[in-house]
Amino acid sequence: MKVIQLHKNETKLIQRAAKQNRDAQHVLYELHAPKMLSICRYYIKDVHQAEEVMLNGFFKVFKYLNSFKNEGSFEGWIRRIMVREAISFLRKHKNIEFAGDENYLDGDSSNNIDSNIQVAEIQQLIDSLPEGYRMVFVMYAIEGYKHHEIAELLKISQGTSKSQLFKARQMLQKKLIELNNSSYGTN
């Protein structure tokens, strides 16, 4: 297999893949699949379902590759497709509940937690959040979406988005403190 320097040939690779060149599509898939699976995994607890969502996302990537205009990063374009695919999957397979627009704090309520928490533990903490909390938290804190974008994608109000984020942060902080205390035997 020929090694392709992506930073120099990405545009050509994308053009070839858009013309249904299976080798080019395979190279693009291999380059982006690990990161896209982790994105899908943020939203979907079950790794097999996350893989299914990622594969469906790549199907759409290759189907609509001609619509990519080389404006912005290709990875960002794929990432948006994966996020939307994950949201569609969750809507189709689960009832996503969002708590009401109760009061929330918009300030920083961070705690000093001295911990060497592993990535797998963080993913478990995120997975333990209720669906609505998790989706908003991942979209805002990890993906970098703004509340108005989250509201539009999830068809909720901005206030609900902010409330869900606040509650997710509170819940995660509480769980981090519990994890930290149990690690040091103070619990």
Protein backbone atom coordinates (compact mmCIF):
# COMPACT_ATOMS: atom_id res chain seq x y z
CA MET A 1 0.00 0.00 0.00
CA LYS A 2 1.31 3.42 -0.95
CA VAL A 3 1.83 5.92 1.88
CA ILE A 4 0.14 9.25 1.18
CA GLN A 5 1.32 12.44 2.84
CA LEU A 6 -2.06 13.75 3.89
CA HIS A 7 -1.15 17.39 4.47
CA LYS A 8 0.06 17.74 0.87
CA ASN A 9 -2.36 15.46 -0.94
CA GLU A 10 -5.57 15.65 1.08
CA THR A 11 -7.40 17.69 -1.57
CA LYS A 12 -6.43 15.22 -4.30
CA LEU A 13 -7.37 12.31 -2.07
CA ILE A 14 -10.78 13.86 -1.40
CA GLN A 15 -11.32 14.47 -5.11
CA ARG A 16 -10.45 10.86 -5.92
CA ALA A 17 -12.72 9.59 -3.15
CA ALA A 18 -15.56 11.79 -4.45
CA LYS A 19 -15.20 9.99 -7.80
CA GLN A 20 -15.91 6.70 -5.96
CA ASN A 21 -12.27 5.59 -5.91
CA ARG A 22 -12.42 2.85 -3.28
CA ASP A 23 -8.70 3.06 -2.43
CA ALA A 24 -8.97 6.78 -1.72
CA GLN A 25 -12.11 6.22 0.34
CA HIS A 26 -10.33 3.49 2.29
CA VAL A 27 -7.38 5.81 3.03
CA LEU A 28 -9.72 8.57 4.21
CA TYR A 29 -11.61 6.10 6.37
CA GLU A 30 -8.42 4.73 7.92
CA LEU A 31 -7.14 8.23 8.64
CA HIS A 32 -10.29 9.52 10.30
CA ALA A 33 -12.11 6.46 11.71
CA PRO A 34 -10.38 6.28 15.12
CA LYS A 35 -11.13 9.91 15.99
CA MET A 36 -14.67 9.72 14.59
CA LEU A 37 -15.38 6.59 16.62
CA SER A 38 -14.34 8.41 19.77
CA ILE A 39 -16.70 11.25 18.86
CA CYS A 40 -19.59 8.83 18.37
CA ARG A 41 -18.62 7.10 21.59
CA TYR A 42 -18.99 10.35 23.55
CA TYR A 43 -22.68 10.33 22.69
CA ILE A 44 -23.43 6.61 22.64
CA LYS A 45 -22.50 4.33 25.55
CA ASP A 46 -22.45 1.04 23.69
CA VAL A 47 -19.30 0.76 21.57
CA HIS A 48 -21.00 -1.48 18.99
CA GLN A 49 -23.78 1.04 18.47
CA ALA A 50 -21.18 3.82 18.29
CA GLU A 51 -19.37 1.86 15.57
CA GLU A 52 -22.65 1.46 13.68
CA VAL A 53 -23.27 5.21 13.90
CA MET A 54 -19.73 5.91 12.71
CA LEU A 55 -20.14 3.58 9.73
CA ASN A 56 -23.44 5.24 8.83
CA GLY A 57 -21.69 8.58 9.17
CA PHE A 58 -18.93 7.52 6.78
CA PHE A 59 -21.55 6.28 4.35
CA LYS A 60 -22.94 9.84 4.35
CA VAL A 61 -19.44 11.32 4.12
CA PHE A 62 -18.75 9.40 0.93
CA LYS A 63 -22.24 9.95 -0.45
CA TYR A 64 -22.04 13.73 -0.01
CA LEU A 65 -18.31 14.19 -0.52
CA ASN A 66 -18.95 16.38 -3.57
CA SER A 67 -20.63 18.92 -1.29
CA PHE A 68 -17.38 19.49 0.65
CA LYS A 69 -16.07 22.80 -0.70
CA ASN A 70 -12.60 22.82 0.91
CA GLU A 71 -13.76 25.66 3.16
CA GLY A 72 -12.57 24.81 6.65
CA SER A 73 -11.06 21.53 7.67
CA PHE A 74 -12.14 18.24 6.20
CA GLU A 75 -11.94 16.64 9.64
CA GLY A 76 -14.32 19.29 11.01
CA TRP A 77 -16.76 18.57 8.17
CA ILE A 78 -16.69 14.84 8.95
CA ARG A 79 -17.00 15.58 12.67
CA ARG A 80 -20.23 17.56 12.14
CA ILE A 81 -21.67 14.64 10.16
CA MET A 82 -20.77 12.22 12.99
CA VAL A 83 -22.33 14.44 15.67
CA ARG A 84 -25.54 14.79 13.68
CA GLU A 85 -25.59 11.05 12.99
CA ALA A 86 -25.17 10.31 16.71
CA ILE A 87 -27.99 12.70 17.60
CA SER A 88 -30.23 11.11 14.95
CA PHE A 89 -29.45 7.67 16.32
CA LEU A 90 -30.31 8.71 19.87
CA ARG A 91 -33.54 10.35 18.74
CA LYS A 92 -34.54 7.26 16.80
CA HIS A 93 -33.67 4.68 19.45
CA LYS A 94 -34.26 6.44 22.74
CA ASN A 95 -36.45 9.00 24.35
CA ILE A 96 -34.08 11.79 25.21
CA GLU A 97 -35.36 13.74 28.14
CA PHE A 98 -34.27 17.24 28.97
CA ALA A 99 -35.02 18.68 32.36
CA GLY A 100 -36.94 21.94 32.42
CA ASP A 101 -35.42 25.41 32.25
CA GLU A 102 -34.82 25.58 35.97
CA ASN A 103 -32.45 28.13 37.38
CA TYR A 104 -28.80 27.56 36.75
CA LEU A 105 -25.58 29.29 37.58
CA ASP A 106 -23.49 30.61 34.72
CA GLY A 107 -20.31 30.98 36.76
CA ASP A 108 -17.33 28.77 37.28
CA SER A 109 -18.01 26.33 40.07
CA SER A 110 -14.82 24.33 39.74
CA ASN A 111 -13.38 22.39 42.64
CA ASN A 112 -9.78 21.50 43.25
CA ILE A 113 -9.68 17.78 42.76
CA ASP A 114 -6.24 16.26 43.10
CA SER A 115 -6.54 13.16 41.00
CA ASN A 116 -4.83 11.10 38.35
CA ILE A 117 -8.04 10.04 36.69
CA GLN A 118 -7.62 7.91 33.60
CA VAL A 119 -9.39 8.56 30.30
CA ALA A 120 -11.48 5.40 30.70
CA GLU A 121 -12.70 6.63 34.10
CA ILE A 122 -13.64 10.00 32.63
CA GLN A 123 -15.54 8.27 29.82
CA GLN A 124 -17.37 6.17 32.42
CA LEU A 125 -18.32 9.32 34.34
CA ILE A 126 -19.61 10.94 31.15
CA ASP A 127 -21.47 7.71 30.27
CA SER A 128 -23.17 7.76 33.68
CA LEU A 129 -24.86 11.08 32.92
CA PRO A 130 -28.50 11.03 31.82
CA GLU A 131 -28.85 11.21 28.01
CA GLY A 132 -29.83 14.88 27.82
CA TYR A 133 -27.10 16.00 30.19
CA ARG A 134 -24.50 13.93 28.36
CA MET A 135 -25.42 15.20 24.91
CA VAL A 136 -25.33 18.86 25.92
CA PHE A 137 -22.14 18.40 27.96
CA VAL A 138 -20.30 16.67 25.11
CA MET A 139 -21.50 19.16 22.51
CA TYR A 140 -20.52 22.16 24.63
CA ALA A 141 -17.46 21.07 26.59
CA ILE A 142 -15.86 18.65 24.15
CA GLU A 143 -17.10 19.60 20.70
CA GLY A 144 -17.16 23.35 21.31
CA TYR A 145 -20.70 24.07 20.17
CA LYS A 146 -22.37 27.25 21.44
CA HIS A 147 -25.69 27.08 23.27
CA HIS A 148 -27.63 28.50 20.31
CA GLU A 149 -26.14 25.79 18.06
CA ILE A 150 -26.95 23.05 20.57
CA ALA A 151 -30.49 24.37 20.92
CA GLU A 152 -30.95 24.31 17.16
CA LEU A 153 -29.51 20.82 16.68
CA LEU A 154 -31.40 19.27 19.59
CA LYS A 155 -34.57 21.30 19.06
CA ILE A 156 -34.54 22.68 22.61
CA SER A 157 -34.33 26.20 24.00
CA GLN A 158 -31.01 27.86 24.82
CA GLY A 159 -32.12 28.00 28.45
CA THR A 160 -32.61 24.24 28.47
CA SER A 161 -29.16 23.80 26.94
CA LYS A 162 -27.59 25.98 29.63
CA SER A 163 -29.54 24.22 32.37
CA GLN A 164 -28.53 20.77 31.12
CA LEU A 165 -24.88 21.83 30.99
CA PHE A 166 -25.00 23.24 34.51
CA LYS A 167 -26.61 20.08 35.88
CA ALA A 168 -24.17 17.85 34.00
CA ARG A 169 -21.23 19.77 35.43
CA GLN A 170 -22.67 19.55 38.94
CA MET A 171 -23.21 15.83 38.60
CA LEU A 172 -19.72 15.26 37.18
CA GLN A 173 -18.12 17.36 39.93
CA LYS A 174 -19.95 15.37 42.57
CA LYS A 175 -18.86 12.08 40.99
CA LEU A 176 -15.26 13.32 40.65
CA ILE A 177 -15.18 14.26 44.32
CA GLU A 178 -16.57 10.82 45.24
CA LEU A 179 -14.02 9.12 42.99
CA ASN A 180 -11.22 11.24 44.40
CA ASN A 181 -12.29 10.50 48.00
CA SER A 182 -12.53 6.78 47.37
CA SER A 183 -9.08 6.81 45.73
CA TYR A 184 -7.55 8.29 48.87
CA GLY A 185 -9.63 6.25 51.30
CA THR A 186 -11.44 9.26 52.75
CA ASN A 187 -14.85 8.01 51.88
